Amino acid sequence: MAQAKTAELSDEGRQPEAVTALKQSAEKLKQVGRRYEDSELLKEAEAVEAQADPGEVLSRENLVTKCQYIFKIKMNSYSAKRHQR
């Protein structure tokens, strides 16, 4: 969701706000990754944070693909943790 908002802000020419939103998204991923000790989610958070470079052009297509990837990771992690119980 935050990444879709980031793409929208970037498309509107509001690059500084898009970078801030992307950094916030990365921080939330880190928090969840630490809480559940999920190394893949922490790696993904680092990748999202790396995309928050103000000089990098954020596009809707790239962020939608990344959002789908994050969703897949979260679902796999949730499924694995659920089966461990």
PDB file of N, CA and C in Angstrom:
ATOM      1  N   MET A   1       0.818  -1.191   0.000  1.00  0.00           N
ATOM      2  CA  MET A   1       0.000   0.000   0.000  1.00  0.00           C
ATOM      3  C   MET A   1       0.859   1.251   0.000  1.00  0.00           C
ATOM      4  N   ALA A   2       1.850   1.276   0.884  1.00  0.00           N
ATOM      5  CA  ALA A   2       2.711   2.455   0.964  1.00  0.00           C
ATOM      6  C   ALA A   2       3.482   2.639  -0.337  1.00  0.00           C
ATOM      7  N   GLN A   3       3.847   1.542  -0.966  1.00  0.00           N
ATOM      8  CA  GLN A   3       4.600   1.664  -2.208  1.00  0.00           C
ATOM      9  C   GLN A   3       3.728   2.171  -3.345  1.00  0.00           C
ATOM     10  N   ALA A   4       2.458   1.812  -3.341  1.00  0.00           N
ATOM     11  CA  ALA A   4       1.543   2.354  -4.342  1.00  0.00           C
ATOM     12  C   ALA A   4       1.403   3.862  -4.133  1.00  0.00           C
ATOM     13  N   LYS A   5       1.334   4.269  -2.874  1.00  0.00           N
ATOM     14  CA  LYS A   5       1.256   5.695  -2.556  1.00  0.00           C
ATOM     15  C   LYS A   5       2.533   6.397  -3.012  1.00  0.00           C
ATOM     16  N   THR A   6       3.666   5.729  -2.824  1.00  0.00           N
ATOM     17  CA  THR A   6       4.950   6.285  -3.246  1.00  0.00           C
ATOM     18  C   THR A   6       4.965   6.525  -4.749  1.00  0.00           C
ATOM     19  N   ALA A   7       4.503   5.557  -5.503  1.00  0.00           N
ATOM     20  CA  ALA A   7       4.458   5.698  -6.957  1.00  0.00           C
ATOM     21  C   ALA A   7       3.534   6.837  -7.359  1.00  0.00           C
ATOM     22  N   GLU A   8       2.413   6.930  -6.679  1.00  0.00           N
ATOM     23  CA  GLU A   8       1.455   7.990  -6.979  1.00  0.00           C
ATOM     24  C   GLU A   8       2.080   9.365  -6.716  1.00  0.00           C
ATOM     25  N   LEU A   9       2.751   9.496  -5.573  1.00  0.00           N
ATOM     26  CA  LEU A   9       3.403  10.768  -5.242  1.00  0.00           C
ATOM     27  C   LEU A   9       4.487  11.103  -6.263  1.00  0.00           C
ATOM     28  N   SER A  10       5.247  10.098  -6.645  1.00  0.00           N
ATOM     29  CA  SER A  10       6.312  10.315  -7.627  1.00  0.00           C
ATOM     30  C   SER A  10       5.739  10.735  -8.971  1.00  0.00           C
ATOM     31  N   ASP A  11       4.662  10.078  -9.389  1.00  0.00           N
ATOM     32  CA  ASP A  11       4.027  10.414 -10.661  1.00  0.00           C
ATOM     33  C   ASP A  11       3.479  11.841 -10.652  1.00  0.00           C
ATOM     34  N   GLU A  12       3.115  12.324  -9.460  1.00  0.00           N
ATOM     35  CA  GLU A  12       2.601  13.691  -9.330  1.00  0.00           C
ATOM     36  C   GLU A  12       3.722  14.716  -9.198  1.00  0.00           C
ATOM     37  N   GLY A  13       4.975  14.240  -9.214  1.00  0.00           N
ATOM     38  CA  GLY A  13       6.107  15.148  -9.109  1.00  0.00           C
ATOM     39  C   GLY A  13       6.470  15.498  -7.673  1.00  0.00           C
ATOM     40  N   ARG A  14       5.948  14.765  -6.723  1.00  0.00           N
ATOM     41  CA  ARG A  14       6.211  15.025  -5.302  1.00  0.00           C
ATOM     42  C   ARG A  14       7.275  14.045  -4.800  1.00  0.00           C
ATOM     43  N   GLN A  15       8.450  14.122  -5.416  1.00  0.00           N
ATOM     44  CA  GLN A  15       9.545  13.193  -5.156  1.00  0.00           C
ATOM     45  C   GLN A  15       9.973  13.152  -3.680  1.00  0.00           C
ATOM     46  N   PRO A  16      10.157  14.299  -3.005  1.00  0.00           N
ATOM     47  CA  PRO A  16      10.582  14.228  -1.597  1.00  0.00           C
ATOM     48  C   PRO A  16       9.583  13.464  -0.717  1.00  0.00           C
ATOM     49  N   GLU A  17       8.312  13.665  -0.958  1.00  0.00           N
ATOM     50  CA  GLU A  17       7.289  12.944  -0.195  1.00  0.00           C
ATOM     51  C   GLU A  17       7.303  11.452  -0.540  1.00  0.00           C
ATOM     52  N   ALA A  18       7.574  11.142  -1.797  1.00  0.00           N
ATOM     53  CA  ALA A  18       7.640   9.735  -2.218  1.00  0.00           C
ATOM     54  C   ALA A  18       8.804   9.027  -1.529  1.00  0.00           C
ATOM     55  N   VAL A  19       9.937   9.699  -1.430  1.00  0.00           N
ATOM     56  CA  VAL A  19      11.102   9.113  -0.765  1.00  0.00           C
ATOM     57  C   VAL A  19      10.805   8.887   0.710  1.00  0.00           C
ATOM     58  N   THR A  20      10.166   9.856   1.348  1.00  0.00           N
ATOM     59  CA  THR A  20       9.806   9.721   2.763  1.00  0.00           C
ATOM     60  C   THR A  20       8.858   8.542   2.971  1.00  0.00           C
ATOM     61  N   ALA A  21       7.866   8.407   2.112  1.00  0.00           N
ATOM     62  CA  ALA A  21       6.915   7.301   2.228  1.00  0.00           C
ATOM     63  C   ALA A  21       7.609   5.958   2.046  1.00  0.00           C
ATOM     64  N   LEU A  22       8.554   5.897   1.138  1.00  0.00           N
ATOM     65  CA  LEU A  22       9.279   4.649   0.898  1.00  0.00           C
ATOM     66  C   LEU A  22      10.149   4.295   2.105  1.00  0.00           C
ATOM     67  N   LYS A  23      10.782   5.284   2.713  1.00  0.00           N
ATOM     68  CA  LYS A  23      11.592   5.047   3.910  1.00  0.00           C
ATOM     69  C   LYS A  23      10.719   4.564   5.067  1.00  0.00           C
ATOM     70  N   GLN A  24       9.533   5.127   5.194  1.00  0.00           N
ATOM     71  CA  GLN A  24       8.614   4.687   6.246  1.00  0.00           C
ATOM     72  C   GLN A  24       8.186   3.243   6.017  1.00  0.00           C
ATOM     73  N   SER A  25       7.945   2.890   4.785  1.00  0.00           N
ATOM     74  CA  SER A  25       7.579   1.517   4.440  1.00  0.00           C
ATOM     75  C   SER A  25       8.708   0.556   4.797  1.00  0.00           C
ATOM     76  N   ALA A  26       9.938   0.943   4.489  1.00  0.00           N
ATOM     77  CA  ALA A  26      11.100   0.113   4.809  1.00  0.00           C
ATOM     78  C   ALA A  26      11.217  -0.075   6.312  1.00  0.00           C
ATOM     79  N   GLU A  27      10.977   0.975   7.062  1.00  0.00           N
ATOM     80  CA  GLU A  27      11.071   0.884   8.522  1.00  0.00           C
ATOM     81  C   GLU A  27      10.010  -0.066   9.089  1.00  0.00           C
ATOM     82  N   LYS A  28       8.816  -0.017   8.542  1.00  0.00           N
ATOM     83  CA  LYS A  28       7.758  -0.935   8.999  1.00  0.00           C
ATOM     84  C   LYS A  28       8.126  -2.386   8.690  1.00  0.00           C
ATOM     85  N   LEU A  29       8.704  -2.613   7.510  1.00  0.00           N
ATOM     86  CA  LEU A  29       9.144  -3.961   7.154  1.00  0.00           C
ATOM     87  C   LEU A  29      10.222  -4.448   8.121  1.00  0.00           C
ATOM     88  N   LYS A  30      11.129  -3.554   8.486  1.00  0.00           N
ATOM     89  CA  LYS A  30      12.186  -3.916   9.434  1.00  0.00           C
ATOM     90  C   LYS A  30      11.591  -4.304  10.789  1.00  0.00           C
ATOM     91  N   GLN A  31      10.622  -3.519  11.240  1.00  0.00           N
ATOM     92  CA  GLN A  31       9.997  -3.799  12.534  1.00  0.00           C
ATOM     93  C   GLN A  31       9.341  -5.177  12.542  1.00  0.00           C
ATOM     94  N   VAL A  32       8.606  -5.488  11.487  1.00  0.00           N
ATOM     95  CA  VAL A  32       7.942  -6.785  11.394  1.00  0.00           C
ATOM     96  C   VAL A  32       8.982  -7.903  11.263  1.00  0.00           C
ATOM     97  N   GLY A  33      10.007  -7.658  10.469  1.00  0.00           N
ATOM     98  CA  GLY A  33      11.070  -8.647  10.297  1.00  0.00           C
ATOM     99  C   GLY A  33      11.776  -8.966  11.602  1.00  0.00           C
ATOM    100  N   ARG A  34      12.028  -7.922  12.400  1.00  0.00           N
ATOM    101  CA  ARG A  34      12.678  -8.142  13.706  1.00  0.00           C
ATOM    102  C   ARG A  34      11.729  -8.854  14.668  1.00  0.00           C
ATOM    103  N   ARG A  35      10.465  -8.461  14.642  1.00  0.00           N
ATOM    104  CA  ARG A  35       9.496  -9.067  15.561  1.00  0.00           C
ATOM    105  C   ARG A  35       9.389 -10.571  15.324  1.00  0.00           C
ATOM    106  N   TYR A  36       9.342 -10.967  14.068  1.00  0.00           N
ATOM    107  CA  TYR A  36       9.157 -12.383  13.742  1.00  0.00           C
ATOM    108  C   TYR A  36      10.469 -13.083  13.374  1.00  0.00           C
ATOM    109  N   GLU A  37      11.574 -12.363  13.565  1.00  0.00           N
ATOM    110  CA  GLU A  37      12.889 -12.906  13.257  1.00  0.00           C
ATOM    111  C   GLU A  37      12.922 -13.500  11.845  1.00  0.00           C
ATOM    112  N   ASP A  38      12.455 -12.709  10.904  1.00  0.00           N
ATOM    113  CA  ASP A  38      12.340 -13.136   9.509  1.00  0.00           C
ATOM    114  C   ASP A  38      13.440 -12.467   8.694  1.00  0.00           C
ATOM    115  N   SER A  39      14.494 -13.223   8.402  1.00  0.00           N
ATOM    116  CA  SER A  39      15.649 -12.657   7.702  1.00  0.00           C
ATOM    117  C   SER A  39      15.305 -12.208   6.277  1.00  0.00           C
ATOM    118  N   GLU A  40      14.412 -12.914   5.619  1.00  0.00           N
ATOM    119  CA  GLU A  40      14.034 -12.521   4.249  1.00  0.00           C
ATOM    120  C   GLU A  40      13.316 -11.181   4.249  1.00  0.00           C
ATOM    121  N   LEU A  41      12.472 -10.974   5.227  1.00  0.00           N
ATOM    122  CA  LEU A  41      11.752  -9.708   5.323  1.00  0.00           C
ATOM    123  C   LEU A  41      12.725  -8.569   5.642  1.00  0.00           C
ATOM    124  N   LEU A  42      13.718  -8.844   6.463  1.00  0.00           N
ATOM    125  CA  LEU A  42      14.733  -7.830   6.762  1.00  0.00           C
ATOM    126  C   LEU A  42      15.542  -7.481   5.515  1.00  0.00           C
ATOM    127  N   LYS A  43      15.845  -8.481   4.703  1.00  0.00           N
ATOM    128  CA  LYS A  43      16.555  -8.228   3.444  1.00  0.00           C
ATOM    129  C   LYS A  43      15.696  -7.378   2.516  1.00  0.00           C
ATOM    130  N   GLU A  44      14.419  -7.689   2.484  1.00  0.00           N
ATOM    131  CA  GLU A  44      13.505  -6.929   1.635  1.00  0.00           C
ATOM    132  C   GLU A  44      13.415  -5.485   2.113  1.00  0.00           C
ATOM    133  N   ALA A  45      13.406  -5.294   3.423  1.00  0.00           N
ATOM    134  CA  ALA A  45      13.367  -3.940   3.980  1.00  0.00           C
ATOM    135  C   ALA A  45      14.600  -3.151   3.536  1.00  0.00           C
ATOM    136  N   GLU A  46      15.749  -3.800   3.534  1.00  0.00           N
ATOM    137  CA  GLU A  46      16.976  -3.148   3.078  1.00  0.00           C
ATOM    138  C   GLU A  46      16.875  -2.779   1.596  1.00  0.00           C
ATOM    139  N   ALA A  47      16.293  -3.665   0.808  1.00  0.00           N
ATOM    140  CA  ALA A  47      16.139  -3.394  -0.621  1.00  0.00           C
ATOM    141  C   ALA A  47      15.194  -2.219  -0.855  1.00  0.00           C
ATOM    142  N   VAL A  48      14.109  -2.179  -0.096  1.00  0.00           N
ATOM    143  CA  VAL A  48      13.148  -1.068  -0.225  1.00  0.00           C
ATOM    144  C   VAL A  48      13.815   0.230   0.198  1.00  0.00           C
ATOM    145  N   GLU A  49      14.580   0.165   1.280  1.00  0.00           N
ATOM    146  CA  GLU A  49      15.260   1.363   1.762  1.00  0.00           C
ATOM    147  C   GLU A  49      16.271   1.867   0.730  1.00  0.00           C
ATOM    148  N   ALA A  50      16.935   0.945   0.051  1.00  0.00           N
ATOM    149  CA  ALA A  50      17.901   1.328  -0.987  1.00  0.00           C
ATOM    150  C   ALA A  50      17.212   2.048  -2.143  1.00  0.00           C
ATOM    151  N   GLN A  51      15.963   1.720  -2.383  1.00  0.00           N
ATOM    152  CA  GLN A  51      15.210   2.376  -3.462  1.00  0.00           C
ATOM    153  C   GLN A  51      14.826   3.802  -3.093  1.00  0.00           C
ATOM    154  N   ALA A  52      14.956   4.153  -1.832  1.00  0.00           N
ATOM    155  CA  ALA A  52      14.532   5.472  -1.368  1.00  0.00           C
ATOM    156  C   ALA A  52      15.561   6.559  -1.668  1.00  0.00           C
ATOM    157  N   ASP A  53      16.516   6.261  -2.512  1.00  0.00           N
ATOM    158  CA  ASP A  53      17.510   7.245  -2.912  1.00  0.00           C
ATOM    159  C   ASP A  53      16.794   8.373  -3.653  1.00  0.00           C
ATOM    160  N   PRO A  54      16.917   9.619  -3.152  1.00  0.00           N
ATOM    161  CA  PRO A  54      16.211  10.733  -3.795  1.00  0.00           C
ATOM    162  C   PRO A  54      16.541  10.897  -5.273  1.00  0.00           C
ATOM    163  N   GLY A  55      17.727  10.455  -5.696  1.00  0.00           N
ATOM    164  CA  GLY A  55      18.097  10.589  -7.097  1.00  0.00           C
ATOM    165  C   GLY A  55      17.516   9.507  -7.980  1.00  0.00           C
ATOM    166  N   GLU A  56      17.007   8.446  -7.363  1.00  0.00           N
ATOM    167  CA  GLU A  56      16.463   7.333  -8.141  1.00  0.00           C
ATOM    168  C   GLU A  56      15.045   7.662  -8.604  1.00  0.00           C
ATOM    169  N   VAL A  57      14.769   7.345  -9.838  1.00  0.00           N
ATOM    170  CA  VAL A  57      13.437   7.599 -10.374  1.00  0.00           C
ATOM    171  C   VAL A  57      12.513   6.462  -9.943  1.00  0.00           C
ATOM    172  N   LEU A  58      11.459   6.803  -9.248  1.00  0.00           N
ATOM    173  CA  LEU A  58      10.483   5.815  -8.811  1.00  0.00           C
ATOM    174  C   LEU A  58       9.367   5.746  -9.841  1.00  0.00           C
ATOM    175  N   SER A  59       9.100   4.558 -10.304  1.00  0.00           N
ATOM    176  CA  SER A  59       8.025   4.425 -11.281  1.00  0.00           C
ATOM    177  C   SER A  59       6.945   3.511 -10.734  1.00  0.00           C
ATOM    178  N   ARG A  60       5.757   3.725 -11.181  1.00  0.00           N
ATOM    179  CA  ARG A  60       4.622   2.923 -10.735  1.00  0.00           C
ATOM    180  C   ARG A  60       4.834   1.452 -11.083  1.00  0.00           C
ATOM    181  N   GLU A  61       5.346   1.163 -12.264  1.00  0.00           N
ATOM    182  CA  GLU A  61       5.543  -0.224 -12.693  1.00  0.00           C
ATOM    183  C   GLU A  61       6.532  -0.945 -11.771  1.00  0.00           C
ATOM    184  N   ASN A  62       7.647  -0.301 -11.467  1.00  0.00           N
ATOM    185  CA  ASN A  62       8.644  -0.917 -10.585  1.00  0.00           C
ATOM    186  C   ASN A  62       8.089  -1.150  -9.189  1.00  0.00           C
ATOM    187  N   LEU A  63       7.327  -0.208  -8.687  1.00  0.00           N
ATOM    188  CA  LEU A  63       6.800  -0.347  -7.336  1.00  0.00           C
ATOM    189  C   LEU A  63       5.695  -1.387  -7.251  1.00  0.00           C
ATOM    190  N   VAL A  64       4.895  -1.519  -8.280  1.00  0.00           N
ATOM    191  CA  VAL A  64       3.852  -2.547  -8.282  1.00  0.00           C
ATOM    192  C   VAL A  64       4.506  -3.923  -8.266  1.00  0.00           C
ATOM    193  N   THR A  65       5.539  -4.103  -9.062  1.00  0.00           N
ATOM    194  CA  THR A  65       6.258  -5.375  -9.078  1.00  0.00           C
ATOM    195  C   THR A  65       6.864  -5.651  -7.709  1.00  0.00           C
ATOM    196  N   LYS A  66       7.468  -4.657  -7.103  1.00  0.00           N
ATOM    197  CA  LYS A  66       8.084  -4.812  -5.781  1.00  0.00           C
ATOM    198  C   LYS A  66       7.027  -5.115  -4.726  1.00  0.00           C
ATOM    199  N   CYS A  67       5.889  -4.467  -4.828  1.00  0.00           N
ATOM    200  CA  CYS A  67       4.802  -4.694  -3.878  1.00  0.00           C
ATOM    201  C   CYS A  67       4.300  -6.136  -3.977  1.00  0.00           C
ATOM    202  N   GLN A  68       4.184  -6.644  -5.178  1.00  0.00           N
ATOM    203  CA  GLN A  68       3.765  -8.031  -5.356  1.00  0.00           C
ATOM    204  C   GLN A  68       4.789  -8.983  -4.758  1.00  0.00           C
ATOM    205  N   TYR A  69       6.056  -8.666  -4.904  1.00  0.00           N
ATOM    206  CA  TYR A  69       7.131  -9.491  -4.360  1.00  0.00           C
ATOM    207  C   TYR A  69       7.069  -9.496  -2.824  1.00  0.00           C
ATOM    208  N   ILE A  70       6.874  -8.325  -2.231  1.00  0.00           N
ATOM    209  CA  ILE A  70       6.787  -8.223  -0.775  1.00  0.00           C
ATOM    210  C   ILE A  70       5.590  -9.011  -0.266  1.00  0.00           C
ATOM    211  N   PHE A  71       4.461  -8.903  -0.949  1.00  0.00           N
ATOM    212  CA  PHE A  71       3.269  -9.646  -0.548  1.00  0.00           C
ATOM    213  C   PHE A  71       3.554 -11.146  -0.562  1.00  0.00           C
ATOM    214  N   LYS A  72       4.235 -11.606  -1.583  1.00  0.00           N
ATOM    215  CA  LYS A  72       4.571 -13.026  -1.695  1.00  0.00           C
ATOM    216  C   LYS A  72       5.459 -13.455  -0.522  1.00  0.00           C
ATOM    217  N   ILE A  73       6.447 -12.641  -0.184  1.00  0.00           N
ATOM    218  CA  ILE A  73       7.340 -12.950   0.931  1.00  0.00           C
ATOM    219  C   ILE A  73       6.550 -13.004   2.242  1.00  0.00           C
ATOM    220  N   LYS A  74       5.677 -12.033   2.437  1.00  0.00           N
ATOM    221  CA  LYS A  74       4.893 -11.997   3.674  1.00  0.00           C
ATOM    222  C   LYS A  74       3.992 -13.223   3.780  1.00  0.00           C
ATOM    223  N   MET A  75       3.357 -13.597   2.691  1.00  0.00           N
ATOM    224  CA  MET A  75       2.471 -14.756   2.714  1.00  0.00           C
ATOM    225  C   MET A  75       3.258 -16.039   2.976  1.00  0.00           C
ATOM    226  N   ASN A  76       4.420 -16.175   2.353  1.00  0.00           N
ATOM    227  CA  ASN A  76       5.255 -17.357   2.584  1.00  0.00           C
ATOM    228  C   ASN A  76       5.711 -17.419   4.034  1.00  0.00           C
ATOM    229  N   SER A  77       6.090 -16.293   4.582  1.00  0.00           N
ATOM    230  CA  SER A  77       6.545 -16.232   5.968  1.00  0.00           C
ATOM    231  C   SER A  77       5.404 -16.574   6.920  1.00  0.00           C
ATOM    232  N   TYR A  78       4.244 -16.000   6.670  1.00  0.00           N
ATOM    233  CA  TYR A  78       3.069 -16.270   7.500  1.00  0.00           C
ATOM    234  C   TYR A  78       2.711 -17.752   7.443  1.00  0.00           C
ATOM    235  N   SER A  79       2.721 -18.296   6.269  1.00  0.00           N
ATOM    236  CA  SER A  79       2.378 -19.709   6.081  1.00  0.00           C
ATOM    237  C   SER A  79       3.371 -20.599   6.818  1.00  0.00           C
ATOM    238  N   ALA A  80       4.644 -20.292   6.699  1.00  0.00           N
ATOM    239  CA  ALA A  80       5.677 -21.113   7.362  1.00  0.00           C
ATOM    240  C   ALA A  80       5.536 -21.038   8.880  1.00  0.00           C
ATOM    241  N   LYS A  81       5.292 -19.846   9.390  1.00  0.00           N
ATOM    242  CA  LYS A  81       5.139 -19.698  10.843  1.00  0.00           C
ATOM    243  C   LYS A  81       3.873 -20.374  11.339  1.00  0.00           C
ATOM    244  N   ARG A  82       2.844 -20.345  10.551  1.00  0.00           N
ATOM    245  CA  ARG A  82       1.585 -20.985  10.935  1.00  0.00           C
ATOM    246  C   ARG A  82       1.742 -22.501  10.997  1.00  0.00           C
ATOM    247  N   HIS A  83       2.521 -23.063  10.066  1.00  0.00           N
ATOM    248  CA  HIS A  83       2.739 -24.514  10.049  1.00  0.00           C
ATOM    249  C   HIS A  83       3.650 -24.977  11.181  1.00  0.00           C
ATOM    250  N   GLN A  84       4.437 -24.068  11.726  1.00  0.00           N
ATOM    251  CA  GLN A  84       5.330 -24.427  12.821  1.00  0.00           C
ATOM    252  C   GLN A  84       4.585 -24.601  14.133  1.00  0.00           C
ATOM    253  N   ARG A  85       3.421 -24.036  14.239  1.00  0.00           N
ATOM    254  CA  ARG A  85       2.641 -24.114  15.484  1.00  0.00           C
ATOM    255  C   ARG A  85       2.074 -25.452  15.716  1.00  0.00           C
TER     256      ARG A  85
END
